[in-house]
Amino acid sequence: MAFSDIYKTGGHKRNLGHFASIVKLALSDDTINEDEQKIISRMKRELHISDADYEKVLKAPNSFPINPPSDLNTRIERFFNLITLVTSDNDIGKAQVILLEKIAIGLGFEVNDSKKIVSKAINYVVEGHGLDEFLLEMKKRL
């Protein structure tokens, strides 16, 4: 087994899952607009997604599972990234909210609280709060 294969089973796999979630949200209205594409491109760089993996995710984002990190701060940071994507075009659709609720559960938030958490998270990002404030606020909700 090559070293790169070992790497793909850990952190890279989680990054691919998170990146696929970002793409799923962007495609929830069947198009990726310019603001969403900017965020996708930035996250591709930050998550170290190769061009080949990028193409695979774009073709079939549903084939990548959510692999939540064990670290609470990282889970909340990824949730913040998703909320930022959804709010980037100021047009938050019902399908996006439903997908965010599912992702919130996949990231480890309680099923019964997912709607409330997503609503609060969206409002918090729309109000212009940054990641540090978002982390503190979401930790209160856990």
Foldseek 3Di string as FASTA:
>chain_A
DDPVVVVCVPLLLQLLLLLLLLLCLCCLVPDHDPQSVVLSVVSCVVSVPDPVSVVVSNVPSPVRHNDADPDLLVLLLSLLSSLCSQPRVVDHDPSSLVSSLVVCVVNPDDNVCSNVLSVVSNVCVVVPDDSVVSSVVVVVVD
